[in-house]
C-alpha atoms as a PDB file:
ATOM      1  CA  UNK A   1     221.273  81.551 117.218  1.00  0.00           C
ATOM      2  CA  UNK A   2     218.760  82.271 119.921  1.00  0.00           C
ATOM      3  CA  UNK A   3     217.957  79.661 122.235  1.00  0.00           C
ATOM      4  CA  UNK A   4     214.357  79.203 121.250  1.00  0.00           C
ATOM      5  CA  UNK A   5     215.773  78.735 117.546  1.00  0.00           C
ATOM      6  CA  UNK A   6     218.255  75.758 118.654  1.00  0.00           C
ATOM      7  CA  UNK A   7     215.508  74.379 120.528  1.00  0.00           C
ATOM      8  CA  UNK A   8     213.195  74.431 117.095  1.00  0.00           C
ATOM      9  CA  UNK A   9     215.892  73.243 115.167  1.00  0.00           C
ATOM     10  CA  UNK A  10     216.643  70.357 117.246  1.00  0.00           C
ATOM     11  CA  UNK A  11     213.109  69.186 117.232  1.00  0.00           C
ATOM     12  CA  UNK A  12     212.795  69.577 113.437  1.00  0.00           C
ATOM     13  CA  UNK A  13     215.946  67.389 113.655  1.00  0.00           C
ATOM     14  CA  UNK A  14     214.369  64.935 115.651  1.00  0.00           C
ATOM     15  CA  UNK A  15     211.094  64.607 113.653  1.00  0.00           C
ATOM     16  CA  UNK A  16     213.145  64.381 110.492  1.00  0.00           C
ATOM     17  CA  UNK A  17     215.055  61.586 111.710  1.00  0.00           C
ATOM     18  CA  UNK A  18     211.936  59.767 113.157  1.00  0.00           C
ATOM     19  CA  UNK A  19     210.398  60.481 109.750  1.00  0.00           C
ATOM     20  CA  UNK A  20     213.458  58.403 107.837  1.00  0.00           C
ATOM     21  CA  UNK A  21     212.472  55.679 110.453  1.00  0.00           C
ATOM     22  CA  UNK A  22     208.692  55.571 109.067  1.00  0.00           C
ATOM     23  CA  UNK A  23     206.937  57.215 111.983  1.00  0.00           C
ATOM     24  CA  UNK A  24     203.921  58.726 109.910  1.00  0.00           C
ATOM     25  CA  UNK A  25     202.665  60.716 113.202  1.00  0.00           C
ATOM     26  CA  UNK A  26     206.062  62.696 113.324  1.00  0.00           C
ATOM     27  CA  UNK A  27     205.666  63.497 109.632  1.00  0.00           C
ATOM     28  CA  UNK A  28     202.442  64.493 110.333  1.00  0.00           C
ATOM     29  CA  UNK A  29     203.468  66.903 112.973  1.00  0.00           C
ATOM     30  CA  UNK A  30     205.997  68.238 111.096  1.00  0.00           C
ATOM     31  CA  UNK A  31     203.596  68.796 108.094  1.00  0.00           C
ATOM     32  CA  UNK A  32     201.053  70.973 110.607  1.00  0.00           C
ATOM     33  CA  UNK A  33     204.110  72.848 111.789  1.00  0.00           C
ATOM     34  CA  UNK A  34     205.025  73.938 108.437  1.00  0.00           C
ATOM     35  CA  UNK A  35     201.669  73.992 106.211  1.00  0.00           C
ATOM     36  CA  UNK A  36     200.904  77.522 106.710  1.00  0.00           C
ATOM     37  CA  UNK A  37     203.874  79.088 105.912  1.00  0.00           C
ATOM     38  CA  UNK A  38     204.955  76.653 102.584  1.00  0.00           C
ATOM     39  CA  UNK A  39     201.254  77.004 101.238  1.00  0.00           C
ATOM     40  CA  UNK A  40     201.588  80.745 101.080  1.00  0.00           C
ATOM     41  CA  UNK A  41     204.718  80.319  99.579  1.00  0.00           C
ATOM     42  CA  UNK A  42     203.206  77.874  96.881  1.00  0.00           C
ATOM     43  CA  UNK A  43     200.230  80.260  96.441  1.00  0.00           C
ATOM     44  CA  UNK A  44     202.309  82.954  95.729  1.00  0.00           C
ATOM     45  CA  UNK A  45     204.035  81.528  92.958  1.00  0.00           C
ATOM     46  CA  UNK A  46     201.025  79.611  91.661  1.00  0.00           C
ATOM     47  CA  UNK A  47     198.273  82.335  92.297  1.00  0.00           C
ATOM     48  CA  UNK A  48     195.969  79.554  92.632  1.00  0.00           C
ATOM     49  CA  UNK A  49     194.561  78.075  95.861  1.00  0.00           C
ATOM     50  CA  UNK A  50     193.845  74.714  94.471  1.00  0.00           C
ATOM     51  CA  UNK A  51     197.114  74.285  92.468  1.00  0.00           C
ATOM     52  CA  UNK A  52     199.352  75.488  95.677  1.00  0.00           C
ATOM     53  CA  UNK A  53     197.613  72.309  97.621  1.00  0.00           C
ATOM     54  CA  UNK A  54     198.524  70.229  94.600  1.00  0.00           C
ATOM     55  CA  UNK A  55     202.415  71.751  94.632  1.00  0.00           C
ATOM     56  CA  UNK A  56     202.483  71.315  98.453  1.00  0.00           C
ATOM     57  CA  UNK A  57     201.404  67.747  98.533  1.00  0.00           C
ATOM     58  CA  UNK A  58     204.147  66.988  95.633  1.00  0.00           C
ATOM     59  CA  UNK A  59     206.459  68.687  97.750  1.00  0.00           C
ATOM     60  CA  UNK A  60     205.803  66.723 101.049  1.00  0.00           C
ATOM     61  CA  UNK A  61     206.203  63.312  99.156  1.00  0.00           C
ATOM     62  CA  UNK A  62     209.509  64.247  97.374  1.00  0.00           C
ATOM     63  CA  UNK A  63     210.391  65.432 100.985  1.00  0.00           C
ATOM     64  CA  UNK A  64     209.294  62.204 102.840  1.00  0.00           C
ATOM     65  CA  UNK A  65     211.225  60.039 100.348  1.00  0.00           C
ATOM     66  CA  UNK A  66     214.372  61.940 100.336  1.00  0.00           C
ATOM     67  CA  UNK A  67     214.128  62.868 104.060  1.00  0.00           C
ATOM     68  CA  UNK A  68     216.645  60.408 105.104  1.00  0.00           C
ATOM     69  CA  UNK A  69     219.282  62.782 103.051  1.00  0.00           C
ATOM     70  CA  UNK A  70     218.861  65.928 105.279  1.00  0.00           C
ATOM     71  CA  UNK A  71     221.396  66.187 107.088  1.00  0.00           C
ATOM     72  CA  UNK A  72     220.852  69.152 108.889  1.00  0.00           C
ATOM     73  CA  UNK A  73     223.270  71.618 107.059  1.00  0.00           C
ATOM     74  CA  UNK A  74     220.264  73.888 106.476  1.00  0.00           C
ATOM     75  CA  UNK A  75     217.130  74.567 108.844  1.00  0.00           C
ATOM     76  CA  UNK A  76     214.483  71.985 107.895  1.00  0.00           C
ATOM     77  CA  UNK A  77     212.330  74.722 107.130  1.00  0.00           C
ATOM     78  CA  UNK A  78     214.696  75.881 104.728  1.00  0.00           C
ATOM     79  CA  UNK A  79     214.794  72.598 103.050  1.00  0.00           C
ATOM     80  CA  UNK A  80     211.318  71.925 102.670  1.00  0.00           C
ATOM     81  CA  UNK A  81     210.902  75.618 101.421  1.00  0.00           C
ATOM     82  CA  UNK A  82     213.349  74.900  98.865  1.00  0.00           C
ATOM     83  CA  UNK A  83     211.826  71.656  97.930  1.00  0.00           C
ATOM     84  CA  UNK A  84     207.975  73.483  97.806  1.00  0.00           C
ATOM     85  CA  UNK A  85     209.445  76.623  95.637  1.00  0.00           C
ATOM     86  CA  UNK A  86     210.558  74.008  93.224  1.00  0.00           C
ATOM     87  CA  UNK A  87     207.445  71.781  92.953  1.00  0.00           C
ATOM     88  CA  UNK A  88     205.428  75.265  92.364  1.00  0.00           C
ATOM     89  CA  UNK A  89     207.908  76.671  89.846  1.00  0.00           C
ATOM     90  CA  UNK A  90     207.686  73.093  88.044  1.00  0.00           C
ATOM     91  CA  UNK A  91     204.142  73.077  87.749  1.00  0.00           C
ATOM     92  CA  UNK A  92     204.083  76.619  86.851  1.00  0.00           C
ATOM     93  CA  UNK A  93     206.270  75.934  83.780  1.00  0.00           C
ATOM     94  CA  UNK A  94     204.347  72.963  82.817  1.00  0.00           C
ATOM     95  CA  UNK A  95     201.270  75.054  82.669  1.00  0.00           C
ATOM     96  CA  UNK A  96     202.344  77.834  81.216  1.00  0.00           C
ATOM     97  CA  UNK A  97     200.265  80.401  82.890  1.00  0.00           C
ATOM     98  CA  UNK A  98     202.973  82.848  82.995  1.00  0.00           C
ATOM     99  CA  UNK A  99     204.481  83.992  79.542  1.00  0.00           C
ATOM    100  CA  UNK A 100     207.458  85.136  80.934  1.00  0.00           C
ATOM    101  CA  UNK A 101     208.475  83.862  84.206  1.00  0.00           C
ATOM    102  CA  UNK A 102     211.218  85.970  86.270  1.00  0.00           C
ATOM    103  CA  UNK A 103     213.714  83.729  87.056  1.00  0.00           C
ATOM    104  CA  UNK A 104     215.062  83.422  90.658  1.00  0.00           C
ATOM    105  CA  UNK A 105     218.785  83.085  90.174  1.00  0.00           C
ATOM    106  CA  UNK A 106     218.918  86.349  88.311  1.00  0.00           C
ATOM    107  CA  UNK A 107     218.635  89.856  89.290  1.00  0.00           C
ATOM    108  CA  UNK A 108     217.141  91.325  86.569  1.00  0.00           C
ATOM    109  CA  UNK A 109     215.790  94.245  88.387  1.00  0.00           C
ATOM    110  CA  UNK A 110     217.218  96.852  90.600  1.00  0.00           C
ATOM    111  CA  UNK A 111     216.410  98.363  93.489  1.00  0.00           C
ATOM    112  CA  UNK A 112     199.770  88.892 107.717  1.00  0.00           C
ATOM    113  CA  UNK A 113     196.970  88.992 106.727  1.00  0.00           C
ATOM    114  CA  UNK A 114     197.094  89.184 110.685  1.00  0.00           C
ATOM    115  CA  UNK A 115     193.968  88.087 112.734  1.00  0.00           C
ATOM    116  CA  UNK A 116     194.129  91.019 114.906  1.00  0.00           C
ATOM    117  CA  UNK A 117     190.371  92.036 115.223  1.00  0.00           C
ATOM    118  CA  UNK A 118     188.599  90.868 117.958  1.00  0.00           C
ATOM    119  CA  UNK A 119     186.283  88.146 116.310  1.00  0.00           C
ATOM    120  CA  UNK A 120     183.953  87.722 119.340  1.00  0.00           C
ATOM    121  CA  UNK A 121     182.898  91.762 119.410  1.00  0.00           C
ATOM    122  CA  UNK A 122     183.087  92.197 115.469  1.00  0.00           C
ATOM    123  CA  UNK A 123     180.496  93.324 114.129  1.00  0.00           C
ATOM    124  CA  UNK A 124     179.214  91.446 110.295  1.00  0.00           C
ATOM    125  CA  UNK A 125     179.493  94.322 108.629  1.00  0.00           C
ATOM    126  CA  UNK A 126     183.239  95.156 109.984  1.00  0.00           C
ATOM    127  CA  UNK A 127     183.971  91.679 108.920  1.00  0.00           C
ATOM    128  CA  UNK A 128     182.686  92.088 105.879  1.00  0.00           C
ATOM    129  CA  UNK A 129     184.758  94.966 105.105  1.00  0.00           C
ATOM    130  CA  UNK A 130     187.773  93.168 106.163  1.00  0.00           C
ATOM    131  CA  UNK A 131     187.040  90.212 103.936  1.00  0.00           C
ATOM    132  CA  UNK A 132     186.537  92.691 101.019  1.00  0.00           C
ATOM    133  CA  UNK A 133     189.716  94.376 102.043  1.00  0.00           C
ATOM    134  CA  UNK A 134     191.909  91.296 102.188  1.00  0.00           C
ATOM    135  CA  UNK A 135     190.318  90.176  98.981  1.00  0.00           C
ATOM    136  CA  UNK A 136     191.630  93.705  97.283  1.00  0.00           C
ATOM    137  CA  UNK A 137     194.801  92.957  98.763  1.00  0.00           C
ATOM    138  CA  UNK A 138     195.587  89.737  97.606  1.00  0.00           C
ATOM    139  CA  UNK A 139     194.536  90.577  94.172  1.00  0.00           C
ATOM    140  CA  UNK A 140     197.112  92.958  94.053  1.00  0.00           C
ATOM    141  CA  UNK A 141     199.797  90.944  95.380  1.00  0.00           C
ATOM    142  CA  UNK A 142     198.537  88.059  92.716  1.00  0.00           C
ATOM    143  CA  UNK A 143     199.331  90.872  89.868  1.00  0.00           C
ATOM    144  CA  UNK A 144     203.216  91.247  91.328  1.00  0.00           C
ATOM    145  CA  UNK A 145     205.405  89.554  88.923  1.00  0.00           C
ATOM    146  CA  UNK A 146     206.311  85.694  90.491  1.00  0.00           C
ATOM    147  CA  UNK A 147     209.858  86.881  91.862  1.00  0.00           C
ATOM    148  CA  UNK A 148     208.714  89.942  93.871  1.00  0.00           C
ATOM    149  CA  UNK A 149     205.311  88.223  95.249  1.00  0.00           C
ATOM    150  CA  UNK A 150     207.242  85.286  96.199  1.00  0.00           C
ATOM    151  CA  UNK A 151     209.674  87.791  98.331  1.00  0.00           C
ATOM    152  CA  UNK A 152     206.701  89.777  99.651  1.00  0.00           C
ATOM    153  CA  UNK A 153     204.645  87.052 101.082  1.00  0.00           C
ATOM    154  CA  UNK A 154     208.014  85.275 102.564  1.00  0.00           C
ATOM    155  CA  UNK A 155     209.017  88.488 104.046  1.00  0.00           C
ATOM    156  CA  UNK A 156     206.188  90.394 105.026  1.00  0.00           C
ATOM    157  CA  UNK A 157     203.549  87.725 105.413  1.00  0.00           C
ATOM    158  CA  UNK A 158     205.776  84.596 106.779  1.00  0.00           C
ATOM    159  CA  UNK A 159     208.019  87.105 108.328  1.00  0.00           C
ATOM    160  CA  UNK A 160     211.028  85.219 107.395  1.00  0.00           C
ATOM    161  CA  UNK A 161     214.520  86.965 107.402  1.00  0.00           C
ATOM    162  CA  UNK A 162     216.286  88.315 104.613  1.00  0.00           C
ATOM    163  CA  UNK A 163     218.735  85.517 105.024  1.00  0.00           C
ATOM    164  CA  UNK A 164     216.366  82.669 105.494  1.00  0.00           C
ATOM    165  CA  UNK A 165     214.447  84.052 102.614  1.00  0.00           C
ATOM    166  CA  UNK A 166     218.115  84.618 100.412  1.00  0.00           C
ATOM    167  CA  UNK A 167     218.782  80.984 101.171  1.00  0.00           C
ATOM    168  CA  UNK A 168     215.508  79.692 100.299  1.00  0.00           C
ATOM    169  CA  UNK A 169     215.354  81.244  96.886  1.00  0.00           C
ATOM    170  CA  UNK A 170     219.552  80.931  96.423  1.00  0.00           C
ATOM    171  CA  UNK A 171     219.742  85.029  96.042  1.00  0.00           C
ATOM    172  CA  UNK A 172     222.008  87.378  97.305  1.00  0.00           C
ATOM    173  CA  UNK A 173     220.778  89.029 100.617  1.00  0.00           C
ATOM    174  CA  UNK A 174     220.928  92.485  98.712  1.00  0.00           C
ATOM    175  CA  UNK A 175     218.707  91.191  95.979  1.00  0.00           C
ATOM    176  CA  UNK A 176     215.821  89.805  98.566  1.00  0.00           C
ATOM    177  CA  UNK A 177     216.173  93.563 100.088  1.00  0.00           C
ATOM    178  CA  UNK A 178     215.433  95.075  96.583  1.00  0.00           C
ATOM    179  CA  UNK A 179     212.814  92.794  95.564  1.00  0.00           C
ATOM    180  CA  UNK A 180     210.848  93.216  98.697  1.00  0.00           C
ATOM    181  CA  UNK A 181     211.185  97.159  98.035  1.00  0.00           C
ATOM    182  CA  UNK A 182     209.828  96.768  94.984  1.00  0.00           C
ATOM    183  CA  UNK A 183     207.462  94.940  95.572  1.00  0.00           C
ATOM    184  CA  UNK A 184     205.872  97.026  98.208  1.00  0.00           C
ATOM    185  CA  UNK A 185     206.362 100.126  95.887  1.00  0.00           C
ATOM    186  CA  UNK A 186     204.300  98.474  93.329  1.00  0.00           C
ATOM    187  CA  UNK A 187     201.616  97.176  95.603  1.00  0.00           C
ATOM    188  CA  UNK A 188     201.371 100.260  97.633  1.00  0.00           C
ATOM    189  CA  UNK A 189     201.068 102.279  93.888  1.00  0.00           C
ATOM    190  CA  UNK A 190     198.357  99.638  92.612  1.00  0.00           C
ATOM    191  CA  UNK A 191     196.525  99.924  96.420  1.00  0.00           C
ATOM    192  CA  UNK A 192     196.615 104.045  95.929  1.00  0.00           C
ATOM    193  CA  UNK A 193     194.986 103.464  92.400  1.00  0.00           C
ATOM    194  CA  UNK A 194     192.298 101.606  94.070  1.00  0.00           C
ATOM    195  CA  UNK A 195     191.864 104.157  96.533  1.00  0.00           C
ATOM    196  CA  UNK A 196     191.686 107.239  93.983  1.00  0.00           C
ATOM    197  CA  UNK A 197     188.841 105.385  91.895  1.00  0.00           C
ATOM    198  CA  UNK A 198     186.320 104.784  95.138  1.00  0.00           C
ATOM    199  CA  UNK A 199     186.954 107.882  97.062  1.00  0.00           C
ATOM    200  CA  UNK A 200     184.564 109.646  94.788  1.00  0.00           C
ATOM    201  CA  UNK A 201     181.524 107.367  95.828  1.00  0.00           C
ATOM    202  CA  UNK A 202     182.530 107.169  99.495  1.00  0.00           C
ATOM    203  CA  UNK A 203     179.899 107.333 101.521  1.00  0.00           C
ATOM    204  CA  UNK A 204     177.395 106.986  98.498  1.00  0.00           C
ATOM    205  CA  UNK A 205     174.110 108.300  98.548  1.00  0.00           C
ATOM    206  CA  UNK A 206     172.523 107.917  95.266  1.00  0.00           C
ATOM    207  CA  UNK A 207     169.981 105.101  94.396  1.00  0.00           C
ATOM    208  CA  UNK A 208     168.374 103.001  96.954  1.00  0.00           C
ATOM    209  CA  UNK A 209     169.256 104.939  99.862  1.00  0.00           C
ATOM    210  CA  UNK A 210     168.226 108.116  98.034  1.00  0.00           C
ATOM    211  CA  UNK A 211     164.927 106.859  96.928  1.00  0.00           C
ATOM    212  CA  UNK A 212     164.218 105.482 100.621  1.00  0.00           C
ATOM    213  CA  UNK A 213     164.740 108.363 102.053  1.00  0.00           C
ATOM    214  CA  UNK A 214     162.636 110.734  99.850  1.00  0.00           C
ATOM    215  CA  UNK A 215     159.911 108.233  99.926  1.00  0.00           C
ATOM    216  CA  UNK A 216     159.981 108.488 104.086  1.00  0.00           C
ATOM    217  CA  UNK A 217     160.278 111.884 103.818  1.00  0.00           C
ATOM    218  CA  UNK A 218     157.354 112.072 101.111  1.00  0.00           C
ATOM    219  CA  UNK A 219     155.490 109.804 103.367  1.00  0.00           C
ATOM    220  CA  UNK A 220     155.517 111.348 106.465  1.00  0.00           C
ATOM    221  CA  UNK A 221     154.727 114.825 104.921  1.00  0.00           C
ATOM    222  CA  UNK A 222     151.767 113.438 103.484  1.00  0.00           C
ATOM    223  CA  UNK A 223     150.630 111.898 106.810  1.00  0.00           C
ATOM    224  CA  UNK A 224     151.377 114.741 108.736  1.00  0.00           C
ATOM    225  CA  UNK A 225     154.185 113.244 111.031  1.00  0.00           C
ATOM    226  CA  UNK A 226     157.044 114.942 112.231  1.00  0.00           C
ATOM    227  CA  UNK A 227     159.725 114.600 114.423  1.00  0.00           C
ATOM    228  CA  UNK A 228     162.146 117.355 116.010  1.00  0.00           C
ATOM    229  CA  UNK A 229     161.418 120.379 117.876  1.00  0.00           C
ATOM    230  CA  UNK A 230     158.409 122.410 116.404  1.00  0.00           C
ATOM    231  CA  UNK A 231     158.707 126.181 115.310  1.00  0.00           C
ATOM    232  CA  UNK A 232     157.079 128.493 117.607  1.00  0.00           C
END
């Protein structure tokens, strides 16, 4: 384990002990440290922002009530992730949103949103395009089977290691690798279909743009206005 990981684990343990003593400030720090990861994992399972928030809140309440039982036999982040996954799956089963839920404890199949753009210099059109691309990607991730999209989010979005993901889901590391491979394959195929469907209309010209150019040219012709070099 790296020195930075050791320091992070020690800090988490201190926060857990303080929380167990009733220190709400420590618990707030703990929640803010893991909010992003846990929300995304719950969201991957439930496919709904509001439901994910509710599941995460339930997970935190459960964690708070039982944090005195935490013995550091696993990393605190792993412990919290397991609780969140359980709460999300309970909510998913209760609402019966998916007719068939692929269980995490069986291997039935073989085999960030990184904000890298410079927000200051990014044009409104670029921001809009990036937002649309993100929505397409999120929609396609939502269409993955729950077991695959959860592994995908944990590995690709949250950048969790194979072992950490396996520990959280109680799966062999080989199964995590297989599901990630399948998730990537399904996602790539879906995005390729999206791309094929829109390339025929790329740089679209018909409709309003066509009418606008024709009208302007005809107007200039009618008024005798022209631009550019004149013929000799």
